[in-house]
Amino acid sequence: QVIAALGVMEDELGGPVPLDEIVFSLRIDFDIRKSEAEVLEILKSSKELQLVRKDSNGWTLTAEGGKVCDDYLNKNFGKIEI
């Protein structure tokens, strides 16, 4: 769900996503309430799995993370029209 929220916000912002925007997307788009500390721990674990990257501007998905995001969104919300 955190990977999916990152993907949604990355598409919306067109680049790296700050932590607070990921928390916001979880709450608004997925009705999930997690603290910044909880989300940060998940992101750190995801970084070790090479699903996300961190730079000075925020978080982005890797190619593999993008696949995980798309699979989750398609499975849980059906095909998304762009």
N, C-alpha and C. Protein backbone atom coordinates (compact mmCIF):
# COMPACT_ATOMS: atom_id res chain seq x y z
N GLN A 1 0.82 -1.19 0.00
CA GLN A 1 0.00 0.00 0.00
C GLN A 1 0.86 1.25 0.00
N VAL A 2 1.97 1.22 0.72
CA VAL A 2 2.88 2.37 0.73
C VAL A 2 3.50 2.54 -0.66
N ILE A 3 3.88 1.43 -1.29
CA ILE A 3 4.44 1.49 -2.64
C ILE A 3 3.41 2.08 -3.61
N ALA A 4 2.15 1.66 -3.46
CA ALA A 4 1.09 2.17 -4.32
C ALA A 4 0.87 3.66 -4.08
N ALA A 5 0.88 4.09 -2.83
CA ALA A 5 0.71 5.51 -2.52
C ALA A 5 1.86 6.33 -3.10
N LEU A 6 3.07 5.80 -3.00
CA LEU A 6 4.22 6.47 -3.60
C LEU A 6 4.04 6.60 -5.10
N GLY A 7 3.60 5.52 -5.74
CA GLY A 7 3.38 5.55 -7.19
C GLY A 7 2.33 6.56 -7.60
N VAL A 8 1.23 6.61 -6.86
CA VAL A 8 0.16 7.57 -7.16
C VAL A 8 0.70 9.00 -7.06
N MET A 9 1.42 9.29 -5.99
CA MET A 9 1.93 10.65 -5.79
C MET A 9 3.06 10.98 -6.76
N GLU A 10 3.88 9.99 -7.10
CA GLU A 10 4.96 10.23 -8.07
C GLU A 10 4.36 10.63 -9.41
N ASP A 11 3.29 9.95 -9.82
CA ASP A 11 2.60 10.31 -11.06
C ASP A 11 1.99 11.70 -10.96
N GLU A 12 1.39 12.00 -9.81
CA GLU A 12 0.72 13.28 -9.62
C GLU A 12 1.71 14.44 -9.59
N LEU A 13 2.83 14.25 -8.90
CA LEU A 13 3.82 15.32 -8.75
C LEU A 13 4.83 15.35 -9.88
N GLY A 14 4.96 14.24 -10.60
CA GLY A 14 5.90 14.19 -11.71
C GLY A 14 7.35 14.08 -11.30
N GLY A 15 7.60 13.58 -10.10
CA GLY A 15 8.97 13.43 -9.64
C GLY A 15 9.01 12.86 -8.24
N PRO A 16 10.15 13.05 -7.55
CA PRO A 16 10.31 12.51 -6.19
C PRO A 16 9.21 13.01 -5.25
N VAL A 17 8.83 12.15 -4.31
CA VAL A 17 7.71 12.44 -3.42
C VAL A 17 8.21 12.57 -1.97
N PRO A 18 7.94 13.72 -1.33
CA PRO A 18 8.29 13.87 0.08
C PRO A 18 7.47 12.90 0.95
N LEU A 19 8.02 12.54 2.09
CA LEU A 19 7.39 11.60 3.01
C LEU A 19 5.97 12.02 3.38
N ASP A 20 5.77 13.30 3.67
CA ASP A 20 4.44 13.75 4.10
C ASP A 20 3.39 13.57 3.00
N GLU A 21 3.80 13.64 1.74
CA GLU A 21 2.86 13.44 0.63
C GLU A 21 2.47 11.96 0.50
N ILE A 22 3.38 11.06 0.84
CA ILE A 22 3.07 9.63 0.82
C ILE A 22 2.05 9.32 1.92
N VAL A 23 2.28 9.88 3.11
CA VAL A 23 1.35 9.70 4.23
C VAL A 23 -0.03 10.26 3.85
N PHE A 24 -0.04 11.42 3.19
CA PHE A 24 -1.29 12.05 2.74
C PHE A 24 -2.03 11.15 1.75
N SER A 25 -1.31 10.59 0.78
CA SER A 25 -1.93 9.72 -0.21
C SER A 25 -2.50 8.46 0.45
N LEU A 26 -1.78 7.89 1.39
CA LEU A 26 -2.30 6.71 2.10
C LEU A 26 -3.64 7.04 2.76
N ARG A 27 -3.71 8.21 3.39
CA ARG A 27 -4.93 8.60 4.11
C ARG A 27 -6.08 8.91 3.15
N ILE A 28 -5.81 9.70 2.11
CA ILE A 28 -6.86 10.17 1.20
C ILE A 28 -7.22 9.11 0.16
N ASP A 29 -6.23 8.53 -0.50
CA ASP A 29 -6.48 7.62 -1.61
C ASP A 29 -6.79 6.19 -1.18
N PHE A 30 -6.26 5.78 -0.01
CA PHE A 30 -6.39 4.38 0.41
C PHE A 30 -7.09 4.21 1.76
N ASP A 31 -7.45 5.32 2.41
CA ASP A 31 -8.11 5.31 3.72
C ASP A 31 -7.29 4.51 4.75
N ILE A 32 -5.97 4.73 4.72
CA ILE A 32 -5.04 4.07 5.64
C ILE A 32 -4.31 5.14 6.43
N ARG A 33 -4.35 5.02 7.75
CA ARG A 33 -3.67 6.00 8.60
C ARG A 33 -2.41 5.36 9.19
N LYS A 34 -1.27 5.92 8.79
CA LYS A 34 0.01 5.49 9.33
C LYS A 34 0.81 6.74 9.67
N SER A 35 1.63 6.65 10.69
CA SER A 35 2.48 7.78 11.05
C SER A 35 3.64 7.89 10.05
N GLU A 36 4.27 9.06 10.04
CA GLU A 36 5.44 9.23 9.18
C GLU A 36 6.52 8.22 9.55
N ALA A 37 6.67 7.93 10.84
CA ALA A 37 7.70 6.97 11.28
C ALA A 37 7.40 5.57 10.73
N GLU A 38 6.13 5.16 10.75
CA GLU A 38 5.76 3.85 10.22
C GLU A 38 6.03 3.77 8.72
N VAL A 39 5.64 4.82 8.01
CA VAL A 39 5.83 4.85 6.55
C VAL A 39 7.32 4.86 6.23
N LEU A 40 8.10 5.61 6.99
CA LEU A 40 9.54 5.67 6.76
C LEU A 40 10.18 4.30 6.93
N GLU A 41 9.77 3.54 7.94
CA GLU A 41 10.31 2.19 8.14
C GLU A 41 9.98 1.29 6.96
N ILE A 42 8.76 1.39 6.45
CA ILE A 42 8.37 0.58 5.29
C ILE A 42 9.19 0.99 4.07
N LEU A 43 9.39 2.29 3.89
CA LEU A 43 10.19 2.77 2.75
C LEU A 43 11.63 2.29 2.86
N LYS A 44 12.19 2.32 4.06
CA LYS A 44 13.57 1.85 4.25
C LYS A 44 13.68 0.36 3.91
N SER A 45 12.71 -0.43 4.34
CA SER A 45 12.70 -1.86 4.00
C SER A 45 12.55 -2.05 2.49
N SER A 46 11.70 -1.23 1.88
CA SER A 46 11.48 -1.31 0.43
C SER A 46 12.73 -0.91 -0.33
N LYS A 47 13.49 0.03 0.24
CA LYS A 47 14.75 0.45 -0.39
C LYS A 47 15.75 -0.70 -0.39
N GLU A 48 15.81 -1.45 0.71
CA GLU A 48 16.70 -2.62 0.78
C GLU A 48 16.32 -3.67 -0.26
N LEU A 49 15.03 -3.74 -0.59
CA LEU A 49 14.55 -4.68 -1.61
C LEU A 49 14.65 -4.10 -3.02
N GLN A 50 15.19 -2.89 -3.10
CA GLN A 50 15.39 -2.17 -4.37
C GLN A 50 14.07 -1.89 -5.09
N LEU A 51 13.03 -1.57 -4.31
CA LEU A 51 11.74 -1.19 -4.87
C LEU A 51 11.58 0.32 -4.94
N VAL A 52 12.33 1.04 -4.08
CA VAL A 52 12.28 2.50 -4.05
C VAL A 52 13.69 3.05 -3.94
N ARG A 53 13.80 4.34 -4.29
CA ARG A 53 15.06 5.08 -4.15
C ARG A 53 14.78 6.35 -3.35
N LYS A 54 15.77 6.82 -2.63
CA LYS A 54 15.67 8.07 -1.88
C LYS A 54 16.71 9.02 -2.41
N ASP A 55 16.29 10.26 -2.69
CA ASP A 55 17.25 11.31 -3.00
C ASP A 55 16.90 12.54 -2.19
N SER A 56 17.58 13.64 -2.42
CA SER A 56 17.38 14.82 -1.59
C SER A 56 15.98 15.41 -1.71
N ASN A 57 15.28 15.12 -2.80
CA ASN A 57 13.94 15.68 -3.01
C ASN A 57 12.81 14.77 -2.55
N GLY A 58 13.11 13.52 -2.23
CA GLY A 58 12.07 12.61 -1.79
C GLY A 58 12.29 11.20 -2.29
N TRP A 59 11.20 10.46 -2.42
CA TRP A 59 11.23 9.04 -2.76
C TRP A 59 10.69 8.81 -4.16
N THR A 60 11.27 7.83 -4.87
CA THR A 60 10.77 7.43 -6.18
C THR A 60 10.77 5.91 -6.26
N LEU A 61 9.96 5.40 -7.18
CA LEU A 61 9.92 3.96 -7.42
C LEU A 61 11.03 3.56 -8.38
N THR A 62 11.59 2.39 -8.18
CA THR A 62 12.48 1.79 -9.17
C THR A 62 11.58 1.13 -10.22
N ALA A 63 12.17 0.59 -11.27
CA ALA A 63 11.37 -0.11 -12.28
C ALA A 63 10.61 -1.27 -11.64
N GLU A 64 11.29 -2.01 -10.77
CA GLU A 64 10.64 -3.14 -10.08
C GLU A 64 9.54 -2.65 -9.14
N GLY A 65 9.80 -1.55 -8.44
CA GLY A 65 8.78 -0.97 -7.57
C GLY A 65 7.56 -0.51 -8.35
N GLY A 66 7.80 0.00 -9.55
CA GLY A 66 6.69 0.41 -10.42
C GLY A 66 5.81 -0.77 -10.79
N LYS A 67 6.45 -1.93 -11.03
CA LYS A 67 5.67 -3.14 -11.36
C LYS A 67 4.83 -3.57 -10.16
N VAL A 68 5.43 -3.53 -8.97
CA VAL A 68 4.70 -3.89 -7.75
C VAL A 68 3.51 -2.95 -7.56
N CYS A 69 3.74 -1.66 -7.77
CA CYS A 69 2.68 -0.66 -7.65
C CYS A 69 1.55 -0.94 -8.63
N ASP A 70 1.90 -1.11 -9.89
CA ASP A 70 0.89 -1.36 -10.93
C ASP A 70 0.11 -2.64 -10.64
N ASP A 71 0.81 -3.70 -10.24
CA ASP A 71 0.14 -4.97 -9.93
C ASP A 71 -0.85 -4.79 -8.78
N TYR A 72 -0.43 -4.07 -7.75
CA TYR A 72 -1.31 -3.83 -6.60
C TYR A 72 -2.54 -3.03 -7.01
N LEU A 73 -2.32 -1.94 -7.74
CA LEU A 73 -3.45 -1.09 -8.14
C LEU A 73 -4.40 -1.84 -9.06
N ASN A 74 -3.86 -2.57 -10.02
CA ASN A 74 -4.72 -3.32 -10.94
C ASN A 74 -5.51 -4.42 -10.23
N LYS A 75 -4.86 -5.08 -9.28
CA LYS A 75 -5.51 -6.17 -8.55
C LYS A 75 -6.61 -5.64 -7.63
N ASN A 76 -6.35 -4.49 -7.01
CA ASN A 76 -7.28 -3.97 -6.01
C ASN A 76 -8.27 -2.95 -6.52
N PHE A 77 -7.96 -2.31 -7.64
CA PHE A 77 -8.84 -1.25 -8.13
C PHE A 77 -9.23 -1.43 -9.59
N GLY A 78 -8.84 -2.54 -10.22
CA GLY A 78 -9.14 -2.76 -11.63
C GLY A 78 -8.22 -1.95 -12.51
N LYS A 79 -8.41 -2.07 -13.80
CA LYS A 79 -7.57 -1.35 -14.75
C LYS A 79 -7.80 0.15 -14.60
N ILE A 80 -6.71 0.89 -14.55
CA ILE A 80 -6.79 2.34 -14.41
C ILE A 80 -6.64 2.97 -15.78
N GLU A 81 -7.60 3.77 -16.15
CA GLU A 81 -7.56 4.47 -17.44
C GLU A 81 -6.69 5.70 -17.31
N ILE A 82 -5.80 5.87 -18.25
CA ILE A 82 -4.92 7.05 -18.23
C ILE A 82 -5.32 7.97 -19.35
